[in-house]
Amino acid sequence: MTFEESKLYRRLMHAAHAVFIWIGTGQWGKTVGVNSFANEGIFWDRDIVMVNYPYKFVRENYPARYRSEKWPKDLKDIPKQIRSSKDFVIIDDAVFLAGARDHGTRENKELQKLLTIASHHELFISVTIQNTSLLDFSVMQAQDVFMFHKKMDALSMEFERPMIKARQVVANIKIDQYAKAHPAIHPKAWTWCSTTNEMFTTKMPDWWMPRMSKPFYGVMPG
């Protein structure tokens, strides 16, 4: 089904905040998925903030409603860069900001605080990660978290957190089933939401190009 036909859509259509966690092996559509999702009609009144993306890359490749913002040095400066009630925030490859081994870092602690009060600021925040074992567990304990799954390979599954692994097994099976039943639909379009237990598809934006899945080409994030 399309996103607009889903239970997820009905839950979000009157919401002003949520945290979306996208997991799955690289090259299975997390980045294109999160951007397709952010461009669904339900979010059209929001500008889209790409955290720590190269400014030039965003300016040259994305529509005008996109902008890049560096993670601030002081949490008090976040409202100056991320606007309450007006932004959809994307933190792609969150291991660089909220890695499981970086639990005590300033950035990680501040992200935890932001997710905790996302409802107060009326923000939609999307986080992508290849495996939740790479992600600080506190991120998954934020308010109103929705888990989105892309395909995950066998090696990544070995390291997945036990409480997520069962969900991912279901996601892998479902994605294979739907992709086989609907060969005309691009395999990366399928997303399993384990929060609402349903599959949905999103339409890739007309302006999307493959190079946009590699924003850090030739650049070290920081």
N, C-alpha and C. Protein backbone atom coordinates (compact mmCIF):
# COMPACT_ATOMS: atom_id res chain seq x y z
N MET A 1 0.84 -1.19 0.00
CA MET A 1 0.00 0.00 0.00
C MET A 1 0.87 1.24 0.00
N THR A 2 0.30 2.35 -0.40
CA THR A 2 1.03 3.61 -0.34
C THR A 2 0.99 4.13 1.09
N PHE A 3 1.86 5.08 1.38
CA PHE A 3 1.90 5.68 2.71
C PHE A 3 0.54 6.26 3.10
N GLU A 4 -0.15 6.90 2.15
CA GLU A 4 -1.44 7.53 2.44
C GLU A 4 -2.54 6.53 2.75
N GLU A 5 -2.32 5.27 2.41
CA GLU A 5 -3.31 4.22 2.70
C GLU A 5 -2.99 3.49 4.00
N SER A 6 -1.93 3.85 4.65
CA SER A 6 -1.44 3.10 5.81
C SER A 6 -2.03 3.57 7.14
N LYS A 7 -1.93 2.68 8.12
CA LYS A 7 -2.29 3.05 9.50
C LYS A 7 -1.34 4.12 10.01
N LEU A 8 -0.10 4.03 9.56
CA LEU A 8 0.91 5.01 9.95
C LEU A 8 0.47 6.42 9.56
N TYR A 9 -0.04 6.57 8.34
CA TYR A 9 -0.51 7.88 7.87
C TYR A 9 -1.61 8.40 8.78
N ARG A 10 -2.54 7.54 9.13
CA ARG A 10 -3.65 7.98 9.98
C ARG A 10 -3.17 8.40 11.36
N ARG A 11 -2.10 7.76 11.84
CA ARG A 11 -1.55 8.15 13.14
C ARG A 11 -0.80 9.47 13.09
N LEU A 12 -0.24 9.77 11.91
CA LEU A 12 0.60 10.98 11.80
C LEU A 12 -0.13 12.19 11.25
N MET A 13 -1.29 11.99 10.62
CA MET A 13 -1.92 13.09 9.91
C MET A 13 -2.31 14.25 10.82
N HIS A 14 -2.51 13.98 12.10
CA HIS A 14 -2.82 15.07 13.04
C HIS A 14 -1.70 15.27 14.06
N ALA A 15 -0.55 14.62 13.82
CA ALA A 15 0.57 14.73 14.76
C ALA A 15 1.44 15.93 14.41
N ALA A 16 2.11 16.46 15.42
CA ALA A 16 3.03 17.58 15.22
C ALA A 16 4.47 17.17 15.52
N HIS A 17 4.67 15.91 15.92
CA HIS A 17 6.03 15.45 16.22
C HIS A 17 6.09 13.94 16.13
N ALA A 18 7.29 13.41 15.93
CA ALA A 18 7.56 11.98 15.95
C ALA A 18 9.04 11.77 15.69
N VAL A 19 9.55 10.61 16.09
CA VAL A 19 10.93 10.22 15.82
C VAL A 19 10.87 8.95 14.96
N PHE A 20 11.52 8.99 13.80
CA PHE A 20 11.54 7.87 12.88
C PHE A 20 12.95 7.29 12.82
N ILE A 21 13.07 6.00 13.09
CA ILE A 21 14.38 5.34 13.02
C ILE A 21 14.36 4.36 11.85
N TRP A 22 15.25 4.60 10.89
CA TRP A 22 15.35 3.78 9.69
C TRP A 22 16.58 2.89 9.81
N ILE A 23 16.41 1.58 9.66
CA ILE A 23 17.56 0.66 9.74
C ILE A 23 17.59 -0.23 8.50
N GLY A 24 18.78 -0.75 8.21
CA GLY A 24 18.94 -1.64 7.07
C GLY A 24 20.33 -1.51 6.48
N THR A 25 20.75 -2.53 5.77
CA THR A 25 22.07 -2.56 5.17
C THR A 25 22.22 -1.45 4.12
N GLY A 26 23.45 -0.94 3.99
CA GLY A 26 23.72 0.08 2.99
C GLY A 26 23.30 -0.35 1.60
N GLN A 27 22.87 0.61 0.79
CA GLN A 27 22.41 0.41 -0.59
C GLN A 27 21.02 -0.21 -0.69
N TRP A 28 20.31 -0.30 0.46
CA TRP A 28 18.94 -0.83 0.41
C TRP A 28 17.89 0.27 0.57
N GLY A 29 18.30 1.52 0.43
CA GLY A 29 17.30 2.57 0.27
C GLY A 29 16.92 3.38 1.49
N LYS A 30 17.78 3.40 2.52
CA LYS A 30 17.43 4.22 3.69
C LYS A 30 17.41 5.70 3.35
N THR A 31 18.46 6.16 2.66
CA THR A 31 18.55 7.60 2.36
C THR A 31 17.46 8.04 1.40
N VAL A 32 17.27 7.28 0.33
CA VAL A 32 16.19 7.65 -0.60
C VAL A 32 14.84 7.49 0.08
N GLY A 33 14.73 6.50 0.97
CA GLY A 33 13.47 6.28 1.68
C GLY A 33 13.12 7.43 2.59
N VAL A 34 14.09 7.90 3.37
CA VAL A 34 13.80 8.98 4.31
C VAL A 34 13.49 10.27 3.56
N ASN A 35 14.13 10.49 2.41
CA ASN A 35 13.83 11.69 1.63
C ASN A 35 12.48 11.58 0.93
N SER A 36 12.15 10.40 0.43
CA SER A 36 10.83 10.20 -0.16
C SER A 36 9.75 10.42 0.90
N PHE A 37 9.98 9.89 2.08
CA PHE A 37 9.03 10.02 3.18
C PHE A 37 8.85 11.49 3.57
N ALA A 38 9.96 12.22 3.69
CA ALA A 38 9.90 13.63 4.09
C ALA A 38 9.18 14.48 3.06
N ASN A 39 9.11 13.99 1.81
CA ASN A 39 8.45 14.73 0.75
C ASN A 39 7.00 14.30 0.52
N GLU A 40 6.48 13.45 1.41
CA GLU A 40 5.07 13.10 1.33
C GLU A 40 4.22 14.33 1.69
N GLY A 41 3.02 14.38 1.14
CA GLY A 41 2.16 15.56 1.31
C GLY A 41 1.89 15.96 2.74
N ILE A 42 1.90 14.99 3.64
CA ILE A 42 1.60 15.27 5.05
C ILE A 42 2.65 16.19 5.67
N PHE A 43 3.85 16.26 5.06
CA PHE A 43 4.94 17.08 5.59
C PHE A 43 5.26 18.28 4.71
N TRP A 44 4.42 18.62 3.75
CA TRP A 44 4.75 19.67 2.79
C TRP A 44 4.88 21.06 3.41
N ASP A 45 4.34 21.23 4.60
CA ASP A 45 4.47 22.55 5.24
C ASP A 45 5.77 22.66 6.05
N ARG A 46 6.62 21.65 5.96
CA ARG A 46 7.89 21.63 6.70
C ARG A 46 9.07 21.85 5.76
N ASP A 47 10.06 22.61 6.24
CA ASP A 47 11.35 22.63 5.57
C ASP A 47 12.15 21.44 6.08
N ILE A 48 13.13 21.02 5.29
CA ILE A 48 13.88 19.80 5.62
C ILE A 48 15.32 20.16 5.94
N VAL A 49 15.76 19.77 7.12
CA VAL A 49 17.11 20.07 7.61
C VAL A 49 17.96 18.80 7.55
N MET A 50 19.07 18.87 6.82
CA MET A 50 20.01 17.76 6.75
C MET A 50 21.15 18.06 7.71
N VAL A 51 21.23 17.34 8.81
CA VAL A 51 22.22 17.63 9.84
C VAL A 51 23.61 17.15 9.42
N ASN A 52 24.56 18.10 9.46
CA ASN A 52 25.98 17.84 9.16
C ASN A 52 26.24 17.40 7.71
N TYR A 53 25.28 17.61 6.82
CA TYR A 53 25.53 17.37 5.40
C TYR A 53 26.40 18.51 4.86
N PRO A 54 27.26 18.25 3.88
CA PRO A 54 28.04 19.32 3.27
C PRO A 54 27.12 20.40 2.69
N TYR A 55 27.35 21.66 3.06
CA TYR A 55 26.49 22.75 2.61
C TYR A 55 26.39 22.80 1.09
N LYS A 56 27.54 22.71 0.41
CA LYS A 56 27.57 22.83 -1.05
C LYS A 56 26.77 21.71 -1.69
N PHE A 57 26.87 20.50 -1.14
CA PHE A 57 26.16 19.35 -1.69
C PHE A 57 24.66 19.57 -1.64
N VAL A 58 24.17 20.05 -0.51
CA VAL A 58 22.73 20.30 -0.36
C VAL A 58 22.28 21.43 -1.27
N ARG A 59 23.06 22.49 -1.32
CA ARG A 59 22.70 23.65 -2.14
C ARG A 59 22.63 23.29 -3.63
N GLU A 60 23.53 22.42 -4.08
CA GLU A 60 23.61 22.12 -5.51
C GLU A 60 22.68 20.99 -5.94
N ASN A 61 22.21 20.16 -5.00
CA ASN A 61 21.47 18.97 -5.39
C ASN A 61 20.03 18.91 -4.91
N TYR A 62 19.70 19.66 -3.88
CA TYR A 62 18.38 19.53 -3.28
C TYR A 62 17.49 20.74 -3.57
N PRO A 63 16.16 20.56 -3.48
CA PRO A 63 15.23 21.68 -3.69
C PRO A 63 15.40 22.76 -2.63
N ALA A 64 14.76 23.89 -2.86
CA ALA A 64 14.93 25.07 -2.01
C ALA A 64 14.48 24.84 -0.57
N ARG A 65 13.55 23.91 -0.33
CA ARG A 65 13.05 23.71 1.03
C ARG A 65 14.04 22.93 1.90
N TYR A 66 15.14 22.47 1.29
CA TYR A 66 16.20 21.78 2.03
C TYR A 66 17.29 22.77 2.45
N ARG A 67 17.89 22.50 3.59
CA ARG A 67 19.08 23.23 3.99
C ARG A 67 19.94 22.33 4.88
N SER A 68 21.22 22.63 4.95
CA SER A 68 22.14 21.90 5.80
C SER A 68 22.42 22.73 7.05
N GLU A 69 22.47 22.05 8.19
CA GLU A 69 22.80 22.71 9.46
C GLU A 69 23.84 21.87 10.19
N LYS A 70 24.88 22.51 10.68
CA LYS A 70 25.86 21.83 11.51
C LYS A 70 25.30 21.64 12.91
N TRP A 71 25.62 20.52 13.53
CA TRP A 71 25.20 20.31 14.91
C TRP A 71 25.88 21.38 15.77
N PRO A 72 25.13 22.14 16.55
CA PRO A 72 25.71 23.28 17.29
C PRO A 72 26.65 22.84 18.41
N LYS A 73 27.52 23.76 18.80
CA LYS A 73 28.43 23.49 19.90
C LYS A 73 27.74 23.59 21.25
N ASP A 74 26.60 24.25 21.28
CA ASP A 74 25.84 24.42 22.52
C ASP A 74 24.39 24.08 22.24
N LEU A 75 23.81 23.22 23.06
CA LEU A 75 22.42 22.79 22.87
C LEU A 75 21.47 23.98 22.86
N LYS A 76 21.82 25.05 23.57
CA LYS A 76 20.96 26.23 23.62
C LYS A 76 20.83 26.90 22.26
N ASP A 77 21.77 26.60 21.34
CA ASP A 77 21.73 27.20 20.01
C ASP A 77 20.86 26.44 19.02
N ILE A 78 20.38 25.26 19.41
CA ILE A 78 19.58 24.46 18.49
C ILE A 78 18.35 25.20 17.97
N PRO A 79 17.59 25.92 18.81
CA PRO A 79 16.43 26.64 18.28
C PRO A 79 16.76 27.68 17.22
N LYS A 80 18.02 28.11 17.17
CA LYS A 80 18.43 29.07 16.14
C LYS A 80 18.62 28.38 14.79
N GLN A 81 18.88 27.08 14.81
CA GLN A 81 19.17 26.33 13.60
C GLN A 81 18.05 25.38 13.20
N ILE A 82 17.35 24.85 14.20
CA ILE A 82 16.23 23.96 13.94
C ILE A 82 14.97 24.61 14.51
N ARG A 83 14.04 24.94 13.65
CA ARG A 83 12.90 25.77 14.02
C ARG A 83 11.71 24.95 14.48
N SER A 84 11.25 25.21 15.67
CA SER A 84 10.10 24.51 16.23
C SER A 84 8.89 24.65 15.33
N SER A 85 8.18 23.53 15.13
CA SER A 85 6.94 23.46 14.35
C SER A 85 7.13 23.67 12.85
N LYS A 86 8.35 23.94 12.41
CA LYS A 86 8.55 24.28 11.00
C LYS A 86 9.49 23.34 10.25
N ASP A 87 10.25 22.50 10.97
CA ASP A 87 11.28 21.70 10.31
C ASP A 87 11.04 20.20 10.43
N PHE A 88 11.49 19.47 9.41
CA PHE A 88 11.60 18.02 9.41
C PHE A 88 13.11 17.75 9.40
N VAL A 89 13.62 17.15 10.46
CA VAL A 89 15.07 16.99 10.65
C VAL A 89 15.51 15.60 10.22
N ILE A 90 16.55 15.52 9.40
CA ILE A 90 17.11 14.24 8.97
C ILE A 90 18.55 14.12 9.46
N ILE A 91 18.81 13.08 10.23
CA ILE A 91 20.16 12.78 10.69
C ILE A 91 20.56 11.48 10.01
N ASP A 92 21.24 11.58 8.87
CA ASP A 92 21.60 10.42 8.06
C ASP A 92 22.93 9.86 8.55
N ASP A 93 23.02 8.52 8.58
CA ASP A 93 24.22 7.86 9.12
C ASP A 93 24.52 8.39 10.52
N ALA A 94 23.59 8.13 11.42
CA ALA A 94 23.63 8.70 12.77
C ALA A 94 24.80 8.22 13.60
N VAL A 95 25.54 7.21 13.12
CA VAL A 95 26.70 6.74 13.88
C VAL A 95 27.70 7.86 14.10
N PHE A 96 27.71 8.87 13.21
CA PHE A 96 28.65 9.98 13.36
C PHE A 96 28.22 10.95 14.46
N LEU A 97 26.97 10.83 14.92
CA LEU A 97 26.48 11.76 15.94
C LEU A 97 26.06 11.04 17.21
N ALA A 98 25.52 9.84 17.06
CA ALA A 98 24.98 9.11 18.21
C ALA A 98 25.41 7.66 18.22
N GLY A 99 26.69 7.42 17.97
CA GLY A 99 27.20 6.06 17.93
C GLY A 99 27.16 5.40 19.30
N ALA A 100 26.97 4.08 19.31
CA ALA A 100 26.87 3.34 20.56
C ALA A 100 28.14 3.44 21.39
N ARG A 101 29.30 3.62 20.73
CA ARG A 101 30.56 3.72 21.46
C ARG A 101 30.85 5.14 21.91
N ASP A 102 29.97 6.06 21.53
CA ASP A 102 30.19 7.47 21.85
C ASP A 102 29.15 7.98 22.85
N HIS A 103 28.73 7.09 23.74
CA HIS A 103 27.63 7.42 24.64
C HIS A 103 27.88 8.69 25.45
N GLY A 104 29.14 8.90 25.83
CA GLY A 104 29.43 10.03 26.71
C GLY A 104 29.75 11.33 26.00
N THR A 105 29.72 11.34 24.67
CA THR A 105 30.09 12.57 23.97
C THR A 105 29.02 13.64 24.12
N ARG A 106 29.45 14.88 23.95
CA ARG A 106 28.52 16.00 24.06
C ARG A 106 27.40 15.89 23.04
N GLU A 107 27.77 15.59 21.77
CA GLU A 107 26.76 15.52 20.71
C GLU A 107 25.71 14.46 21.00
N ASN A 108 26.17 13.30 21.50
CA ASN A 108 25.24 12.21 21.79
C ASN A 108 24.28 12.60 22.90
N LYS A 109 24.81 13.17 23.96
CA LYS A 109 23.94 13.58 25.08
C LYS A 109 22.94 14.64 24.64
N GLU A 110 23.39 15.56 23.79
CA GLU A 110 22.50 16.63 23.35
C GLU A 110 21.42 16.11 22.43
N LEU A 111 21.77 15.13 21.57
CA LEU A 111 20.74 14.52 20.72
C LEU A 111 19.70 13.81 21.56
N GLN A 112 20.14 13.12 22.60
CA GLN A 112 19.20 12.45 23.50
C GLN A 112 18.23 13.47 24.10
N LYS A 113 18.75 14.61 24.49
CA LYS A 113 17.90 15.65 25.08
C LYS A 113 16.92 16.20 24.05
N LEU A 114 17.39 16.41 22.80
CA LEU A 114 16.52 16.92 21.75
C LEU A 114 15.39 15.94 21.46
N LEU A 115 15.71 14.66 21.36
CA LEU A 115 14.68 13.66 21.10
C LEU A 115 13.68 13.59 22.24
N THR A 116 14.16 13.77 23.45
CA THR A 116 13.27 13.74 24.62
C THR A 116 12.24 14.85 24.58
N ILE A 117 12.66 16.01 24.05
CA ILE A 117 11.75 17.15 24.03
C ILE A 117 11.26 17.47 22.62
N ALA A 118 11.37 16.49 21.70
CA ALA A 118 10.91 16.71 20.32
C ALA A 118 9.44 17.09 20.30
N SER A 119 8.66 16.50 21.21
CA SER A 119 7.23 16.82 21.26
C SER A 119 7.00 18.26 21.68
N HIS A 120 7.84 18.77 22.57
CA HIS A 120 7.69 20.15 23.04
C HIS A 120 7.99 21.15 21.92
N HIS A 121 8.91 20.78 21.02
CA HIS A 121 9.28 21.66 19.92
C HIS A 121 8.52 21.35 18.64
N GLU A 122 7.66 20.32 18.70
CA GLU A 122 6.84 19.92 17.55
C GLU A 122 7.72 19.67 16.32
N LEU A 123 8.66 18.73 16.49
CA LEU A 123 9.59 18.39 15.42
C LEU A 123 9.39 16.95 14.96
N PHE A 124 9.55 16.74 13.66
CA PHE A 124 9.68 15.40 13.11
C PHE A 124 11.17 15.17 12.90
N ILE A 125 11.69 14.08 13.45
CA ILE A 125 13.12 13.79 13.37
C ILE A 125 13.32 12.38 12.82
N SER A 126 14.07 12.25 11.74
CA SER A 126 14.39 10.95 11.15
C SER A 126 15.86 10.64 11.34
N VAL A 127 16.14 9.43 11.80
CA VAL A 127 17.50 8.97 12.04
C VAL A 127 17.72 7.70 11.21
N THR A 128 18.81 7.64 10.44
CA THR A 128 19.12 6.42 9.70
C THR A 128 20.39 5.78 10.27
N ILE A 129 20.41 4.45 10.27
CA ILE A 129 21.55 3.70 10.79
C ILE A 129 21.52 2.31 10.16
N GLN A 130 22.69 1.71 9.91
CA GLN A 130 22.70 0.41 9.26
C GLN A 130 22.27 -0.72 10.20
N ASN A 131 22.49 -0.53 11.48
CA ASN A 131 22.21 -1.59 12.45
C ASN A 131 22.05 -0.90 13.80
N THR A 132 21.04 -1.25 14.58
CA THR A 132 20.81 -0.54 15.83
C THR A 132 21.90 -0.80 16.87
N SER A 133 22.73 -1.84 16.67
CA SER A 133 23.84 -2.05 17.59
C SER A 133 24.86 -0.92 17.48
N LEU A 134 24.81 -0.17 16.37
CA LEU A 134 25.71 0.97 16.18
C LEU A 134 25.15 2.24 16.80
N LEU A 135 23.89 2.19 17.22
CA LEU A 135 23.19 3.38 17.68
C LEU A 135 23.05 3.38 19.19
N ASP A 136 23.26 4.52 19.81
CA ASP A 136 23.06 4.61 21.24
C ASP A 136 21.62 4.21 21.56
N PHE A 137 21.45 3.31 22.51
CA PHE A 137 20.12 2.74 22.79
C PHE A 137 19.12 3.80 23.24
N SER A 138 19.59 4.87 23.84
CA SER A 138 18.68 5.90 24.34
C SER A 138 17.87 6.54 23.22
N VAL A 139 18.42 6.53 21.98
CA VAL A 139 17.70 7.11 20.85
C VAL A 139 16.38 6.38 20.63
N MET A 140 16.39 5.08 20.87
CA MET A 140 15.17 4.28 20.66
C MET A 140 14.19 4.41 21.81
N GLN A 141 14.58 5.12 22.85
CA GLN A 141 13.70 5.31 24.00
C GLN A 141 13.05 6.69 24.03
N ALA A 142 13.18 7.41 22.92
CA ALA A 142 12.55 8.73 22.83
C ALA A 142 11.03 8.57 22.72
N GLN A 143 10.31 9.69 22.83
CA GLN A 143 8.86 9.66 22.72
C GLN A 143 8.42 9.41 21.28
N ASP A 144 7.34 8.63 21.12
CA ASP A 144 6.70 8.45 19.82
C ASP A 144 7.68 8.03 18.73
N VAL A 145 8.38 6.91 19.00
CA VAL A 145 9.34 6.37 18.04
C VAL A 145 8.64 5.40 17.10
N PHE A 146 8.94 5.54 15.81
CA PHE A 146 8.45 4.62 14.79
C PHE A 146 9.66 3.96 14.14
N MET A 147 9.66 2.62 14.10
CA MET A 147 10.77 1.86 13.53
C MET A 147 10.47 1.50 12.08
N PHE A 148 11.35 1.91 11.16
CA PHE A 148 11.21 1.60 9.74
C PHE A 148 12.37 0.69 9.32
N HIS A 149 12.04 -0.35 8.57
CA HIS A 149 13.04 -1.34 8.20
C HIS A 149 13.20 -1.47 6.70
N LYS A 150 14.46 -1.45 6.23
CA LYS A 150 14.83 -1.85 4.89
C LYS A 150 15.49 -3.23 5.00
N LYS A 151 15.91 -3.79 3.88
CA LYS A 151 16.55 -5.11 3.94
C LYS A 151 17.85 -5.04 4.74
N MET A 152 18.13 -6.11 5.47
CA MET A 152 19.38 -6.22 6.23
C MET A 152 20.04 -7.54 5.88
N ASP A 153 21.34 -7.51 5.56
CA ASP A 153 22.02 -8.75 5.16
C ASP A 153 22.32 -9.63 6.37
N ALA A 154 22.73 -10.86 6.09
CA ALA A 154 22.92 -11.87 7.14
C ALA A 154 23.98 -11.46 8.15
N LEU A 155 25.09 -10.86 7.67
CA LEU A 155 26.16 -10.47 8.59
C LEU A 155 25.68 -9.39 9.55
N SER A 156 24.99 -8.38 9.05
CA SER A 156 24.47 -7.33 9.92
C SER A 156 23.47 -7.89 10.93
N MET A 157 22.70 -8.87 10.49
CA MET A 157 21.71 -9.49 11.39
C MET A 157 22.37 -10.15 12.59
N GLU A 158 23.58 -10.67 12.38
CA GLU A 158 24.30 -11.33 13.47
C GLU A 158 24.59 -10.37 14.61
N PHE A 159 24.75 -9.08 14.29
CA PHE A 159 25.12 -8.09 15.29
C PHE A 159 23.94 -7.23 15.74
N GLU A 160 22.75 -7.50 15.20
CA GLU A 160 21.59 -6.69 15.55
C GLU A 160 21.17 -6.94 17.00
N ARG A 161 20.64 -5.92 17.64
CA ARG A 161 20.17 -6.05 19.02
C ARG A 161 19.04 -7.08 19.07
N PRO A 162 19.02 -7.95 20.10
CA PRO A 162 18.02 -9.02 20.17
C PRO A 162 16.58 -8.52 20.07
N MET A 163 16.26 -7.39 20.71
CA MET A 163 14.88 -6.91 20.71
C MET A 163 14.45 -6.38 19.35
N ILE A 164 15.42 -6.09 18.47
CA ILE A 164 15.11 -5.59 17.13
C ILE A 164 15.24 -6.70 16.09
N LYS A 165 16.05 -7.71 16.40
CA LYS A 165 16.35 -8.76 15.44
C LYS A 165 15.09 -9.48 14.95
N ALA A 166 14.18 -9.79 15.86
CA ALA A 166 12.94 -10.48 15.47
C ALA A 166 12.12 -9.63 14.52
N ARG A 167 12.09 -8.33 14.77
CA ARG A 167 11.36 -7.42 13.88
C ARG A 167 12.01 -7.40 12.49
N GLN A 168 13.36 -7.42 12.48
CA GLN A 168 14.06 -7.34 11.21
C GLN A 168 13.89 -8.62 10.39
N VAL A 169 13.81 -9.75 11.05
CA VAL A 169 13.56 -11.01 10.33
C VAL A 169 12.24 -10.93 9.60
N VAL A 170 11.21 -10.45 10.28
CA VAL A 170 9.90 -10.27 9.65
C VAL A 170 10.00 -9.29 8.49
N ALA A 171 10.73 -8.19 8.70
CA ALA A 171 10.88 -7.18 7.65
C ALA A 171 11.53 -7.76 6.41
N ASN A 172 12.61 -8.53 6.58
CA ASN A 172 13.29 -9.14 5.43
C ASN A 172 12.35 -10.03 4.64
N ILE A 173 11.58 -10.85 5.35
CA ILE A 173 10.64 -11.77 4.69
C ILE A 173 9.57 -10.99 3.94
N LYS A 174 9.01 -9.99 4.60
CA LYS A 174 7.94 -9.20 4.00
C LYS A 174 8.42 -8.44 2.76
N ILE A 175 9.60 -7.83 2.86
CA ILE A 175 10.13 -7.07 1.73
C ILE A 175 10.36 -7.99 0.53
N ASP A 176 10.91 -9.18 0.76
CA ASP A 176 11.12 -10.14 -0.32
C ASP A 176 9.78 -10.55 -0.95
N GLN A 177 8.79 -10.80 -0.11
CA GLN A 177 7.48 -11.22 -0.61
C GLN A 177 6.83 -10.13 -1.46
N TYR A 178 6.86 -8.90 -0.97
CA TYR A 178 6.22 -7.81 -1.69
C TYR A 178 6.97 -7.47 -2.98
N ALA A 179 8.30 -7.51 -2.93
CA ALA A 179 9.09 -7.22 -4.12
C ALA A 179 8.84 -8.26 -5.21
N LYS A 180 8.70 -9.53 -4.81
CA LYS A 180 8.43 -10.59 -5.78
C LYS A 180 7.03 -10.47 -6.36
N ALA A 181 6.08 -10.07 -5.53
CA ALA A 181 4.69 -9.96 -5.99
C ALA A 181 4.44 -8.73 -6.85
N HIS A 182 5.31 -7.70 -6.69
CA HIS A 182 5.11 -6.45 -7.41
C HIS A 182 6.42 -6.03 -8.09
N PRO A 183 6.85 -6.76 -9.13
CA PRO A 183 8.15 -6.48 -9.76
C PRO A 183 8.24 -5.12 -10.43
N ALA A 184 7.10 -4.50 -10.72
CA ALA A 184 7.13 -3.18 -11.37
C ALA A 184 7.53 -2.07 -10.40
N ILE A 185 7.44 -2.33 -9.11
CA ILE A 185 7.80 -1.34 -8.09
C ILE A 185 9.28 -1.50 -7.72
N HIS A 186 9.99 -0.40 -7.67
CA HIS A 186 11.42 -0.44 -7.34
C HIS A 186 11.61 -1.09 -5.97
N PRO A 187 12.52 -2.06 -5.84
CA PRO A 187 12.72 -2.77 -4.55
C PRO A 187 13.01 -1.83 -3.38
N LYS A 188 13.68 -0.69 -3.64
CA LYS A 188 14.00 0.24 -2.56
C LYS A 188 12.79 1.02 -2.07
N ALA A 189 11.68 0.91 -2.77
CA ALA A 189 10.49 1.66 -2.37
C ALA A 189 9.77 1.03 -1.18
N TRP A 190 10.04 -0.26 -0.93
CA TRP A 190 9.33 -0.95 0.14
C TRP A 190 9.93 -0.64 1.51
N THR A 191 9.08 -0.35 2.47
CA THR A 191 9.51 -0.11 3.86
C THR A 191 8.55 -0.81 4.79
N TRP A 192 9.10 -1.59 5.72
CA TRP A 192 8.28 -2.26 6.73
C TRP A 192 8.31 -1.43 8.01
N CYS A 193 7.15 -1.04 8.49
CA CYS A 193 7.05 -0.33 9.77
C CYS A 193 6.68 -1.34 10.83
N SER A 194 7.62 -1.64 11.73
CA SER A 194 7.34 -2.64 12.76
C SER A 194 6.55 -2.04 13.92
N THR A 195 6.38 -0.73 13.94
CA THR A 195 5.56 -0.09 14.97
C THR A 195 4.07 -0.31 14.68
N THR A 196 3.71 -0.20 13.39
CA THR A 196 2.30 -0.40 13.01
C THR A 196 2.09 -1.74 12.31
N ASN A 197 3.18 -2.51 12.14
CA ASN A 197 3.12 -3.84 11.50
C ASN A 197 2.48 -3.79 10.12
N GLU A 198 3.10 -3.01 9.23
CA GLU A 198 2.58 -2.90 7.87
C GLU A 198 3.67 -2.47 6.91
N MET A 199 3.46 -2.84 5.65
CA MET A 199 4.35 -2.42 4.58
C MET A 199 3.75 -1.20 3.90
N PHE A 200 4.61 -0.26 3.52
CA PHE A 200 4.13 0.86 2.73
C PHE A 200 5.19 1.25 1.72
N THR A 201 4.78 1.98 0.71
CA THR A 201 5.70 2.48 -0.30
C THR A 201 5.64 4.00 -0.34
N THR A 202 6.73 4.59 -0.75
CA THR A 202 6.78 6.03 -0.98
C THR A 202 7.33 6.26 -2.37
N LYS A 203 6.88 7.30 -3.02
CA LYS A 203 7.32 7.60 -4.38
C LYS A 203 8.62 8.40 -4.33
N MET A 204 9.61 7.94 -5.07
CA MET A 204 10.87 8.67 -5.14
C MET A 204 10.62 10.04 -5.76
N PRO A 205 11.17 11.11 -5.18
CA PRO A 205 11.00 12.44 -5.78
C PRO A 205 11.55 12.48 -7.20
N ASP A 206 10.92 13.26 -8.06
CA ASP A 206 11.35 13.35 -9.45
C ASP A 206 12.79 13.84 -9.59
N TRP A 207 13.24 14.63 -8.61
CA TRP A 207 14.58 15.22 -8.70
C TRP A 207 15.68 14.32 -8.13
N TRP A 208 15.29 13.15 -7.58
CA TRP A 208 16.29 12.30 -6.94
C TRP A 208 17.22 11.67 -7.96
N MET A 209 18.53 11.66 -7.65
CA MET A 209 19.54 11.02 -8.50
C MET A 209 20.41 10.11 -7.62
N PRO A 210 20.97 9.03 -8.18
CA PRO A 210 21.76 8.08 -7.39
C PRO A 210 22.87 8.72 -6.58
N ARG A 211 23.53 9.75 -7.11
CA ARG A 211 24.66 10.36 -6.39
C ARG A 211 24.22 11.00 -5.07
N MET A 212 22.92 11.25 -4.91
CA MET A 212 22.44 11.89 -3.70
C MET A 212 22.45 10.95 -2.50
N SER A 213 22.67 9.66 -2.76
CA SER A 213 22.81 8.70 -1.66
C SER A 213 24.23 8.67 -1.12
N LYS A 214 25.13 9.48 -1.71
CA LYS A 214 26.54 9.49 -1.30
C LYS A 214 26.97 10.95 -1.03
N PRO A 215 26.37 11.58 -0.03
CA PRO A 215 26.69 12.99 0.23
C PRO A 215 28.10 13.22 0.75
N PHE A 216 28.74 12.18 1.29
CA PHE A 216 30.06 12.34 1.87
C PHE A 216 31.17 11.89 0.93
N TYR A 217 30.84 11.75 -0.37
CA TYR A 217 31.85 11.37 -1.36
C TYR A 217 32.96 12.42 -1.38
N GLY A 218 34.18 11.98 -1.05
CA GLY A 218 35.30 12.90 -1.03
C GLY A 218 35.35 13.81 0.18
N VAL A 219 34.44 13.58 1.16
CA VAL A 219 34.37 14.44 2.34
C VAL A 219 34.28 13.58 3.59
N MET A 220 35.04 13.92 4.62
CA MET A 220 34.91 13.24 5.91
C MET A 220 33.93 14.03 6.77
N PRO A 221 32.82 13.39 7.22
CA PRO A 221 31.86 14.12 8.02
C PRO A 221 32.44 14.54 9.36
N GLY A 222 31.97 15.70 9.82
CA GLY A 222 32.45 16.18 11.10
C GLY A 222 31.81 17.49 11.45
